[in-house]
């Protein structure tokens, strides 16, 4: 198994790649979370579901460890330390742990 970058290195490289600066909106944070899920091969996943009137992205969190890791990444990239998954995904978070 290939060694993965630390969250700090990953966040710095992703910030440069996506040209992230300052406060980010939830759409950008969702993109960052999807990138991290793919890179770190997490069991957590995001899925677009239709609630009858529109498509909404729902985050399915596989473990407390993965949730904490993703929150740490958001904290590293966002100026808002109080950001939660519920805020980013408009309360559409399913915990499977």
PDB file of N, CA and C in Angstrom:
ATOM      1  N   UNK A   1       0.839  -1.181   0.000  1.00  0.00           N
ATOM      2  CA  UNK A   1       0.000   0.000   0.000  1.00  0.00           C
ATOM      3  C   UNK A   1       0.885   1.246   0.000  1.00  0.00           C
ATOM      4  N   UNK A   2       0.566   2.173  -0.838  1.00  0.00           N
ATOM      5  CA  UNK A   2       1.332   3.400  -0.973  1.00  0.00           C
ATOM      6  C   UNK A   2       1.062   4.330   0.210  1.00  0.00           C
ATOM      7  N   UNK A   3       2.112   4.945   0.726  1.00  0.00           N
ATOM      8  CA  UNK A   3       1.953   5.890   1.838  1.00  0.00           C
ATOM      9  C   UNK A   3       1.201   7.127   1.361  1.00  0.00           C
ATOM     10  N   UNK A   4       0.333   7.620   2.205  1.00  0.00           N
ATOM     11  CA  UNK A   4      -0.463   8.809   1.884  1.00  0.00           C
ATOM     12  C   UNK A   4       0.159  10.047   2.522  1.00  0.00           C
ATOM     13  N   UNK A   5      -0.109  11.184   1.929  1.00  0.00           N
ATOM     14  CA  UNK A   5       0.364  12.459   2.463  1.00  0.00           C
ATOM     15  C   UNK A   5      -0.386  12.790   3.747  1.00  0.00           C
ATOM     16  N   UNK A   6       0.249  13.596   4.578  1.00  0.00           N
ATOM     17  CA  UNK A   6      -0.434  14.072   5.779  1.00  0.00           C
ATOM     18  C   UNK A   6      -1.563  15.018   5.361  1.00  0.00           C
ATOM     19  N   UNK A   7      -2.512  15.233   6.261  1.00  0.00           N
ATOM     20  CA  UNK A   7      -3.619  16.148   5.952  1.00  0.00           C
ATOM     21  C   UNK A   7      -3.108  17.550   5.639  1.00  0.00           C
ATOM     22  N   UNK A   8      -2.082  17.990   6.351  1.00  0.00           N
ATOM     23  CA  UNK A   8      -1.528  19.330   6.134  1.00  0.00           C
ATOM     24  C   UNK A   8      -0.948  19.443   4.726  1.00  0.00           C
ATOM     25  N   UNK A   9      -0.137  18.477   4.325  1.00  0.00           N
ATOM     26  CA  UNK A   9       0.463  18.490   2.982  1.00  0.00           C
ATOM     27  C   UNK A   9      -0.631  18.387   1.923  1.00  0.00           C
ATOM     28  N   UNK A  10      -1.582  17.478   2.129  1.00  0.00           N
ATOM     29  CA  UNK A  10      -2.690  17.309   1.190  1.00  0.00           C
ATOM     30  C   UNK A  10      -3.479  18.609   1.050  1.00  0.00           C
ATOM     31  N   UNK A  11      -3.785  19.264   2.175  1.00  0.00           N
ATOM     32  CA  UNK A  11      -4.577  20.502   2.125  1.00  0.00           C
ATOM     33  C   UNK A  11      -3.806  21.622   1.430  1.00  0.00           C
ATOM     34  N   UNK A  12      -2.494  21.712   1.689  1.00  0.00           N
ATOM     35  CA  UNK A  12      -1.678  22.735   1.024  1.00  0.00           C
ATOM     36  C   UNK A  12      -1.644  22.518  -0.486  1.00  0.00           C
ATOM     37  N   UNK A  13      -1.428  21.272  -0.911  1.00  0.00           N
ATOM     38  CA  UNK A  13      -1.375  20.965  -2.345  1.00  0.00           C
ATOM     39  C   UNK A  13      -2.731  21.166  -3.013  1.00  0.00           C
ATOM     40  N   UNK A  14      -3.792  20.765  -2.338  1.00  0.00           N
ATOM     41  CA  UNK A  14      -5.134  20.927  -2.892  1.00  0.00           C
ATOM     42  C   UNK A  14      -5.497  22.404  -2.998  1.00  0.00           C
ATOM     43  N   UNK A  15      -5.082  23.172  -2.012  1.00  0.00           N
ATOM     44  CA  UNK A  15      -5.338  24.608  -2.015  1.00  0.00           C
ATOM     45  C   UNK A  15      -4.673  25.272  -3.225  1.00  0.00           C
ATOM     46  N   UNK A  16      -3.442  24.866  -3.512  1.00  0.00           N
ATOM     47  CA  UNK A  16      -2.734  25.405  -4.679  1.00  0.00           C
ATOM     48  C   UNK A  16      -3.388  24.936  -5.974  1.00  0.00           C
ATOM     49  N   UNK A  17      -3.720  23.651  -6.038  1.00  0.00           N
ATOM     50  CA  UNK A  17      -4.318  23.065  -7.245  1.00  0.00           C
ATOM     51  C   UNK A  17      -5.645  23.740  -7.594  1.00  0.00           C
ATOM     52  N   UNK A  18      -6.481  23.960  -6.582  1.00  0.00           N
ATOM     53  CA  UNK A  18      -7.804  24.551  -6.811  1.00  0.00           C
ATOM     54  C   UNK A  18      -7.804  26.071  -6.673  1.00  0.00           C
ATOM     55  N   UNK A  19      -6.623  26.634  -6.382  1.00  0.00           N
ATOM     56  CA  UNK A  19      -6.482  28.086  -6.190  1.00  0.00           C
ATOM     57  C   UNK A  19      -7.450  28.604  -5.125  1.00  0.00           C
ATOM     58  N   UNK A  20      -7.427  27.951  -3.977  1.00  0.00           N
ATOM     59  CA  UNK A  20      -8.323  28.318  -2.883  1.00  0.00           C
ATOM     60  C   UNK A  20      -7.708  29.446  -2.072  1.00  0.00           C
ATOM     61  N   UNK A  21      -8.517  30.468  -1.799  1.00  0.00           N
ATOM     62  CA  UNK A  21      -8.056  31.600  -0.991  1.00  0.00           C
ATOM     63  C   UNK A  21      -9.204  32.086  -0.130  1.00  0.00           C
ATOM     64  N   UNK A  22      -8.895  32.397   1.116  1.00  0.00           N
ATOM     65  CA  UNK A  22      -9.899  32.993   1.998  1.00  0.00           C
ATOM     66  C   UNK A  22     -11.043  32.060   2.327  1.00  0.00           C
ATOM     67  N   UNK A  23     -12.164  32.648   2.651  1.00  0.00           N
ATOM     68  CA  UNK A  23     -13.352  31.880   3.044  1.00  0.00           C
ATOM     69  C   UNK A  23     -13.932  31.149   1.837  1.00  0.00           C
ATOM     70  N   UNK A  24     -14.268  29.892   2.050  1.00  0.00           N
ATOM     71  CA  UNK A  24     -14.819  29.070   0.975  1.00  0.00           C
ATOM     72  C   UNK A  24     -16.289  28.801   1.215  1.00  0.00           C
ATOM     73  N   UNK A  25     -17.044  28.755   0.132  1.00  0.00           N
ATOM     74  CA  UNK A  25     -18.460  28.407   0.281  1.00  0.00           C
ATOM     75  C   UNK A  25     -18.593  26.891   0.405  1.00  0.00           C
ATOM     76  N   UNK A  26     -19.791  26.449   0.743  1.00  0.00           N
ATOM     77  CA  UNK A  26     -20.024  25.029   0.996  1.00  0.00           C
ATOM     78  C   UNK A  26     -19.816  24.172  -0.246  1.00  0.00           C
ATOM     79  N   UNK A  27     -20.086  24.713  -1.421  1.00  0.00           N
ATOM     80  CA  UNK A  27     -19.879  23.968  -2.664  1.00  0.00           C
ATOM     81  C   UNK A  27     -18.408  23.580  -2.815  1.00  0.00           C
ATOM     82  N   UNK A  28     -17.515  24.523  -2.554  1.00  0.00           N
ATOM     83  CA  UNK A  28     -16.074  24.264  -2.655  1.00  0.00           C
ATOM     84  C   UNK A  28     -15.637  23.273  -1.581  1.00  0.00           C
ATOM     85  N   UNK A  29     -16.165  23.419  -0.367  1.00  0.00           N
ATOM     86  CA  UNK A  29     -15.813  22.489   0.708  1.00  0.00           C
ATOM     87  C   UNK A  29     -16.282  21.073   0.389  1.00  0.00           C
ATOM     88  N   UNK A  30     -17.429  20.930  -0.249  1.00  0.00           N
ATOM     89  CA  UNK A  30     -17.899  19.598  -0.661  1.00  0.00           C
ATOM     90  C   UNK A  30     -16.943  18.987  -1.680  1.00  0.00           C
ATOM     91  N   UNK A  31     -16.461  19.807  -2.601  1.00  0.00           N
ATOM     92  CA  UNK A  31     -15.498  19.332  -3.605  1.00  0.00           C
ATOM     93  C   UNK A  31     -14.215  18.864  -2.919  1.00  0.00           C
ATOM     94  N   UNK A  32     -13.748  19.626  -1.949  1.00  0.00           N
ATOM     95  CA  UNK A  32     -12.551  19.266  -1.187  1.00  0.00           C
ATOM     96  C   UNK A  32     -12.767  17.938  -0.460  1.00  0.00           C
ATOM     97  N   UNK A  33     -13.931  17.770   0.149  1.00  0.00           N
ATOM     98  CA  UNK A  33     -14.249  16.533   0.865  1.00  0.00           C
ATOM     99  C   UNK A  33     -14.261  15.350  -0.097  1.00  0.00           C
ATOM    100  N   UNK A  34     -14.864  15.525  -1.276  1.00  0.00           N
ATOM    101  CA  UNK A  34     -14.874  14.439  -2.271  1.00  0.00           C
ATOM    102  C   UNK A  34     -13.453  14.070  -2.702  1.00  0.00           C
ATOM    103  N   UNK A  35     -12.605  15.092  -2.895  1.00  0.00           N
ATOM    104  CA  UNK A  35     -11.201  14.840  -3.264  1.00  0.00           C
ATOM    105  C   UNK A  35     -10.498  14.029  -2.172  1.00  0.00           C
ATOM    106  N   UNK A  36     -10.721  14.381  -0.916  1.00  0.00           N
ATOM    107  CA  UNK A  36     -10.087  13.676   0.204  1.00  0.00           C
ATOM    108  C   UNK A  36     -10.602  12.244   0.314  1.00  0.00           C
ATOM    109  N   UNK A  37     -11.897  12.055   0.124  1.00  0.00           N
ATOM    110  CA  UNK A  37     -12.480  10.707   0.181  1.00  0.00           C
ATOM    111  C   UNK A  37     -11.821   9.813  -0.865  1.00  0.00           C
ATOM    112  N   UNK A  38     -11.633  10.336  -2.055  1.00  0.00           N
ATOM    113  CA  UNK A  38     -10.998   9.575  -3.133  1.00  0.00           C
ATOM    114  C   UNK A  38      -9.521   9.321  -2.830  1.00  0.00           C
ATOM    115  N   UNK A  39      -8.801  10.371  -2.466  1.00  0.00           N
ATOM    116  CA  UNK A  39      -7.356  10.246  -2.242  1.00  0.00           C
ATOM    117  C   UNK A  39      -7.034   9.270  -1.111  1.00  0.00           C
ATOM    118  N   UNK A  40      -7.738   9.395   0.002  1.00  0.00           N
ATOM    119  CA  UNK A  40      -7.461   8.546   1.166  1.00  0.00           C
ATOM    120  C   UNK A  40      -8.229   7.219   1.132  1.00  0.00           C
ATOM    121  N   UNK A  41      -8.978   6.981   0.069  1.00  0.00           N
ATOM    122  CA  UNK A  41      -9.738   5.738  -0.124  1.00  0.00           C
ATOM    123  C   UNK A  41     -10.631   5.433   1.083  1.00  0.00           C
ATOM    124  N   UNK A  42     -11.414   6.435   1.483  1.00  0.00           N
ATOM    125  CA  UNK A  42     -12.300   6.289   2.636  1.00  0.00           C
ATOM    126  C   UNK A  42     -13.559   5.520   2.259  1.00  0.00           C
ATOM    127  N   UNK A  43     -14.202   4.955   3.259  1.00  0.00           N
ATOM    128  CA  UNK A  43     -15.479   4.270   3.051  1.00  0.00           C
ATOM    129  C   UNK A  43     -16.640   5.260   3.067  1.00  0.00           C
ATOM    130  N   UNK A  44     -16.398   6.447   3.589  1.00  0.00           N
ATOM    131  CA  UNK A  44     -17.385   7.526   3.550  1.00  0.00           C
ATOM    132  C   UNK A  44     -17.616   7.891   2.087  1.00  0.00           C
ATOM    133  N   UNK A  45     -18.851   8.271   1.748  1.00  0.00           N
ATOM    134  CA  UNK A  45     -19.126   8.674   0.369  1.00  0.00           C
ATOM    135  C   UNK A  45     -20.226   9.728   0.325  1.00  0.00           C
ATOM    136  N   UNK A  46     -20.220  10.488  -0.765  1.00  0.00           N
ATOM    137  CA  UNK A  46     -21.254  11.486  -1.023  1.00  0.00           C
ATOM    138  C   UNK A  46     -22.075  10.993  -2.207  1.00  0.00           C
ATOM    139  N   UNK A  47     -23.382  11.166  -2.106  1.00  0.00           N
ATOM    140  CA  UNK A  47     -24.284  10.667  -3.142  1.00  0.00           C
ATOM    141  C   UNK A  47     -25.347  11.729  -3.421  1.00  0.00           C
ATOM    142  N   UNK A  48     -25.641  11.940  -4.689  1.00  0.00           N
ATOM    143  CA  UNK A  48     -26.699  12.880  -5.067  1.00  0.00           C
ATOM    144  C   UNK A  48     -28.017  12.131  -5.073  1.00  0.00           C
ATOM    145  N   UNK A  49     -28.971  12.651  -4.315  1.00  0.00           N
ATOM    146  CA  UNK A  49     -30.294  12.035  -4.224  1.00  0.00           C
ATOM    147  C   UNK A  49     -31.351  13.068  -4.582  1.00  0.00           C
ATOM    148  N   UNK A  50     -32.448  12.590  -5.168  1.00  0.00           N
ATOM    149  CA  UNK A  50     -33.554  13.469  -5.521  1.00  0.00           C
ATOM    150  C   UNK A  50     -34.614  13.368  -4.436  1.00  0.00           C
ATOM    151  N   UNK A  51     -34.979  14.520  -3.861  1.00  0.00           N
ATOM    152  CA  UNK A  51     -35.979  14.524  -2.787  1.00  0.00           C
ATOM    153  C   UNK A  51     -37.383  14.832  -3.308  1.00  0.00           C
ATOM    154  N   UNK A  52     -37.560  14.696  -4.600  1.00  0.00           N
ATOM    155  CA  UNK A  52     -38.864  14.950  -5.198  1.00  0.00           C
ATOM    156  C   UNK A  52     -38.922  16.267  -5.938  1.00  0.00           C
ATOM    157  N   UNK A  53     -38.234  17.272  -5.412  1.00  0.00           N
ATOM    158  CA  UNK A  53     -38.267  18.575  -6.063  1.00  0.00           C
ATOM    159  C   UNK A  53     -36.914  18.976  -6.648  1.00  0.00           C
ATOM    160  N   UNK A  54     -35.830  18.475  -6.057  1.00  0.00           N
ATOM    161  CA  UNK A  54     -34.504  18.817  -6.572  1.00  0.00           C
ATOM    162  C   UNK A  54     -33.471  17.790  -6.121  1.00  0.00           C
ATOM    163  N   UNK A  55     -32.323  17.808  -6.802  1.00  0.00           N
ATOM    164  CA  UNK A  55     -31.223  16.926  -6.432  1.00  0.00           C
ATOM    165  C   UNK A  55     -30.444  17.552  -5.280  1.00  0.00           C
ATOM    166  N   UNK A  56     -30.100  16.720  -4.297  1.00  0.00           N
ATOM    167  CA  UNK A  56     -29.339  17.183  -3.140  1.00  0.00           C
ATOM    168  C   UNK A  56     -28.227  16.185  -2.847  1.00  0.00           C
ATOM    169  N   UNK A  57     -27.084  16.709  -2.462  1.00  0.00           N
ATOM    170  CA  UNK A  57     -25.953  15.848  -2.127  1.00  0.00           C
ATOM    171  C   UNK A  57     -26.038  15.441  -0.657  1.00  0.00           C
ATOM    172  N   UNK A  58     -25.924  14.147  -0.405  1.00  0.00           N
ATOM    173  CA  UNK A  58     -25.990  13.593   0.947  1.00  0.00           C
ATOM    174  C   UNK A  58     -24.646  12.937   1.250  1.00  0.00           C
ATOM    175  N   UNK A  59     -24.124  13.179   2.450  1.00  0.00           N
ATOM    176  CA  UNK A  59     -22.860  12.582   2.871  1.00  0.00           C
ATOM    177  C   UNK A  59     -23.142  11.418   3.808  1.00  0.00           C
ATOM    178  N   UNK A  60     -22.627  10.241   3.459  1.00  0.00           N
ATOM    179  CA  UNK A  60     -22.758   9.039   4.281  1.00  0.00           C
ATOM    180  C   UNK A  60     -21.402   8.793   4.950  1.00  0.00           C
ATOM    181  N   UNK A  61     -21.336   8.990   6.258  1.00  0.00           N
ATOM    182  CA  UNK A  61     -20.078   8.882   6.998  1.00  0.00           C
ATOM    183  C   UNK A  61     -19.943   7.476   7.570  1.00  0.00           C
ATOM    184  N   UNK A  62     -18.824   6.820   7.256  1.00  0.00           N
ATOM    185  CA  UNK A  62     -18.623   5.421   7.632  1.00  0.00           C
ATOM    186  C   UNK A  62     -18.111   5.233   9.059  1.00  0.00           C
ATOM    187  N   UNK A  63     -17.339   6.192   9.568  1.00  0.00           N
ATOM    188  CA  UNK A  63     -16.780   6.016  10.912  1.00  0.00           C
ATOM    189  C   UNK A  63     -16.491   7.365  11.559  1.00  0.00           C
ATOM    190  N   UNK A  64     -16.354   7.326  12.867  1.00  0.00           N
ATOM    191  CA  UNK A  64     -16.015   8.542  13.609  1.00  0.00           C
ATOM    192  C   UNK A  64     -14.628   9.027  13.191  1.00  0.00           C
ATOM    193  N   UNK A  65     -13.701   8.107  12.980  1.00  0.00           N
ATOM    194  CA  UNK A  65     -12.341   8.477  12.576  1.00  0.00           C
ATOM    195  C   UNK A  65     -12.350   9.213  11.234  1.00  0.00           C
ATOM    196  N   UNK A  66     -13.119   8.707  10.270  1.00  0.00           N
ATOM    197  CA  UNK A  66     -13.195   9.377   8.964  1.00  0.00           C
ATOM    198  C   UNK A  66     -13.861  10.742   9.090  1.00  0.00           C
ATOM    199  N   UNK A  67     -14.892  10.840   9.908  1.00  0.00           N
ATOM    200  CA  UNK A  67     -15.551  12.133  10.115  1.00  0.00           C
ATOM    201  C   UNK A  67     -14.575  13.138  10.722  1.00  0.00           C
ATOM    202  N   UNK A  68     -13.827  12.723  11.742  1.00  0.00           N
ATOM    203  CA  UNK A  68     -12.859  13.620  12.378  1.00  0.00           C
ATOM    204  C   UNK A  68     -11.765  14.046  11.407  1.00  0.00           C
ATOM    205  N   UNK A  69     -11.325  13.123  10.566  1.00  0.00           N
ATOM    206  CA  UNK A  69     -10.302  13.429   9.576  1.00  0.00           C
ATOM    207  C   UNK A  69     -10.799  14.479   8.578  1.00  0.00           C
ATOM    208  N   UNK A  70     -12.021  14.297   8.085  1.00  0.00           N
ATOM    209  CA  UNK A  70     -12.586  15.251   7.125  1.00  0.00           C
ATOM    210  C   UNK A  70     -12.826  16.608   7.778  1.00  0.00           C
ATOM    211  N   UNK A  71     -13.259  16.608   9.035  1.00  0.00           N
ATOM    212  CA  UNK A  71     -13.448  17.873   9.755  1.00  0.00           C
ATOM    213  C   UNK A  71     -12.120  18.597   9.952  1.00  0.00           C
ATOM    214  N   UNK A  72     -11.056  17.852  10.225  1.00  0.00           N
ATOM    215  CA  UNK A  72      -9.727  18.450  10.374  1.00  0.00           C
ATOM    216  C   UNK A  72      -9.285  19.077   9.060  1.00  0.00           C
ATOM    217  N   UNK A  73      -9.547  18.417   7.949  1.00  0.00           N
ATOM    218  CA  UNK A  73      -9.210  18.966   6.639  1.00  0.00           C
ATOM    219  C   UNK A  73      -9.969  20.267   6.393  1.00  0.00           C
ATOM    220  N   UNK A  74     -11.259  20.275   6.702  1.00  0.00           N
ATOM    221  CA  UNK A  74     -12.071  21.489   6.542  1.00  0.00           C
ATOM    222  C   UNK A  74     -11.508  22.605   7.416  1.00  0.00           C
ATOM    223  N   UNK A  75     -11.103  22.262   8.627  1.00  0.00           N
ATOM    224  CA  UNK A  75     -10.529  23.250   9.545  1.00  0.00           C
ATOM    225  C   UNK A  75      -9.228  23.828   8.986  1.00  0.00           C
ATOM    226  N   UNK A  76      -8.399  22.990   8.372  1.00  0.00           N
ATOM    227  CA  UNK A  76      -7.143  23.454   7.786  1.00  0.00           C
ATOM    228  C   UNK A  76      -7.375  24.409   6.614  1.00  0.00           C
ATOM    229  N   UNK A  77      -8.417  24.167   5.842  1.00  0.00           N
ATOM    230  CA  UNK A  77      -8.664  24.960   4.636  1.00  0.00           C
ATOM    231  C   UNK A  77      -9.592  26.148   4.852  1.00  0.00           C
ATOM    232  N   UNK A  78     -10.469  26.043   5.819  1.00  0.00           N
ATOM    233  CA  UNK A  78     -11.482  27.069   6.036  1.00  0.00           C
ATOM    234  C   UNK A  78     -11.067  27.981   7.179  1.00  0.00           C
ATOM    235  N   UNK A  79     -11.463  29.228   7.102  1.00  0.00           N
ATOM    236  CA  UNK A  79     -11.185  30.168   8.185  1.00  0.00           C
ATOM    237  C   UNK A  79     -12.183  30.004   9.328  1.00  0.00           C
ATOM    238  N   UNK A  80     -13.243  29.263   9.094  1.00  0.00           N
ATOM    239  CA  UNK A  80     -14.296  29.066  10.088  1.00  0.00           C
ATOM    240  C   UNK A  80     -14.063  27.750  10.822  1.00  0.00           C
ATOM    241  N   UNK A  81     -13.558  27.831  12.060  1.00  0.00           N
ATOM    242  CA  UNK A  81     -13.271  26.625  12.839  1.00  0.00           C
ATOM    243  C   UNK A  81     -14.536  25.946  13.338  1.00  0.00           C
ATOM    244  N   UNK A  82     -15.659  26.605  13.247  1.00  0.00           N
ATOM    245  CA  UNK A  82     -16.921  26.053  13.739  1.00  0.00           C
ATOM    246  C   UNK A  82     -17.703  25.314  12.650  1.00  0.00           C
ATOM    247  N   UNK A  83     -17.131  25.185  11.457  1.00  0.00           N
ATOM    248  CA  UNK A  83     -17.820  24.487  10.361  1.00  0.00           C
ATOM    249  C   UNK A  83     -18.060  23.035  10.739  1.00  0.00           C
ATOM    250  N   UNK A  84     -19.255  22.559  10.504  1.00  0.00           N
ATOM    251  CA  UNK A  84     -19.579  21.154  10.753  1.00  0.00           C
ATOM    252  C   UNK A  84     -20.054  20.530   9.448  1.00  0.00           C
ATOM    253  N   UNK A  85     -20.109  19.213   9.417  1.00  0.00           N
ATOM    254  CA  UNK A  85     -20.610  18.523   8.226  1.00  0.00           C
ATOM    255  C   UNK A  85     -22.057  18.910   7.956  1.00  0.00           C
ATOM    256  N   UNK A  86     -22.832  19.100   9.011  1.00  0.00           N
ATOM    257  CA  UNK A  86     -24.233  19.496   8.841  1.00  0.00           C
ATOM    258  C   UNK A  86     -24.341  20.856   8.157  1.00  0.00           C
ATOM    259  N   UNK A  87     -23.449  21.772   8.506  1.00  0.00           N
ATOM    260  CA  UNK A  87     -23.462  23.092   7.869  1.00  0.00           C
ATOM    261  C   UNK A  87     -23.079  22.983   6.394  1.00  0.00           C
ATOM    262  N   UNK A  88     -22.067  22.195   6.099  1.00  0.00           N
ATOM    263  CA  UNK A  88     -21.572  22.059   4.724  1.00  0.00           C
ATOM    264  C   UNK A  88     -22.593  21.356   3.836  1.00  0.00           C
ATOM    265  N   UNK A  89     -23.251  20.338   4.373  1.00  0.00           N
ATOM    266  CA  UNK A  89     -24.204  19.535   3.595  1.00  0.00           C
ATOM    267  C   UNK A  89     -25.662  19.867   3.919  1.00  0.00           C
ATOM    268  N   UNK A  90     -25.924  21.033   4.482  1.00  0.00           N
ATOM    269  CA  UNK A  90     -27.293  21.478   4.790  1.00  0.00           C
ATOM    270  C   UNK A  90     -28.090  20.406   5.530  1.00  0.00           C
ATOM    271  N   UNK A  91     -27.490  19.856   6.574  1.00  0.00           N
ATOM    272  CA  UNK A  91     -28.104  18.842   7.454  1.00  0.00           C
ATOM    273  C   UNK A  91     -28.358  17.500   6.769  1.00  0.00           C
ATOM    274  N   UNK A  92     -27.793  17.281   5.587  1.00  0.00           N
ATOM    275  CA  UNK A  92     -27.980  16.002   4.893  1.00  0.00           C
ATOM    276  C   UNK A  92     -26.750  15.117   5.106  1.00  0.00           C
ATOM    277  N   UNK A  93     -26.643  14.617   6.343  1.00  0.00           N
ATOM    278  CA  UNK A  93     -25.524  13.769   6.737  1.00  0.00           C
ATOM    279  C   UNK A  93     -26.087  12.514   7.391  1.00  0.00           C
ATOM    280  N   UNK A  94     -25.622  11.357   6.926  1.00  0.00           N
ATOM    281  CA  UNK A  94     -26.044  10.081   7.502  1.00  0.00           C
ATOM    282  C   UNK A  94     -24.806   9.427   8.101  1.00  0.00           C
ATOM    283  N   UNK A  95     -24.866   9.149   9.398  1.00  0.00           N
ATOM    284  CA  UNK A  95     -23.738   8.501  10.080  1.00  0.00           C
ATOM    285  C   UNK A  95     -24.017   7.008  10.174  1.00  0.00           C
ATOM    286  N   UNK A  96     -23.074   6.219   9.699  1.00  0.00           N
ATOM    287  CA  UNK A  96     -23.219   4.760   9.721  1.00  0.00           C
ATOM    288  C   UNK A  96     -22.246   4.151  10.722  1.00  0.00           C
ATOM    289  N   UNK A  97     -22.060   4.845  11.818  1.00  0.00           N
ATOM    290  CA  UNK A  97     -21.153   4.328  12.858  1.00  0.00           C
ATOM    291  C   UNK A  97     -21.841   4.334  14.187  1.00  0.00           C
TER     292      UNK A  97
END
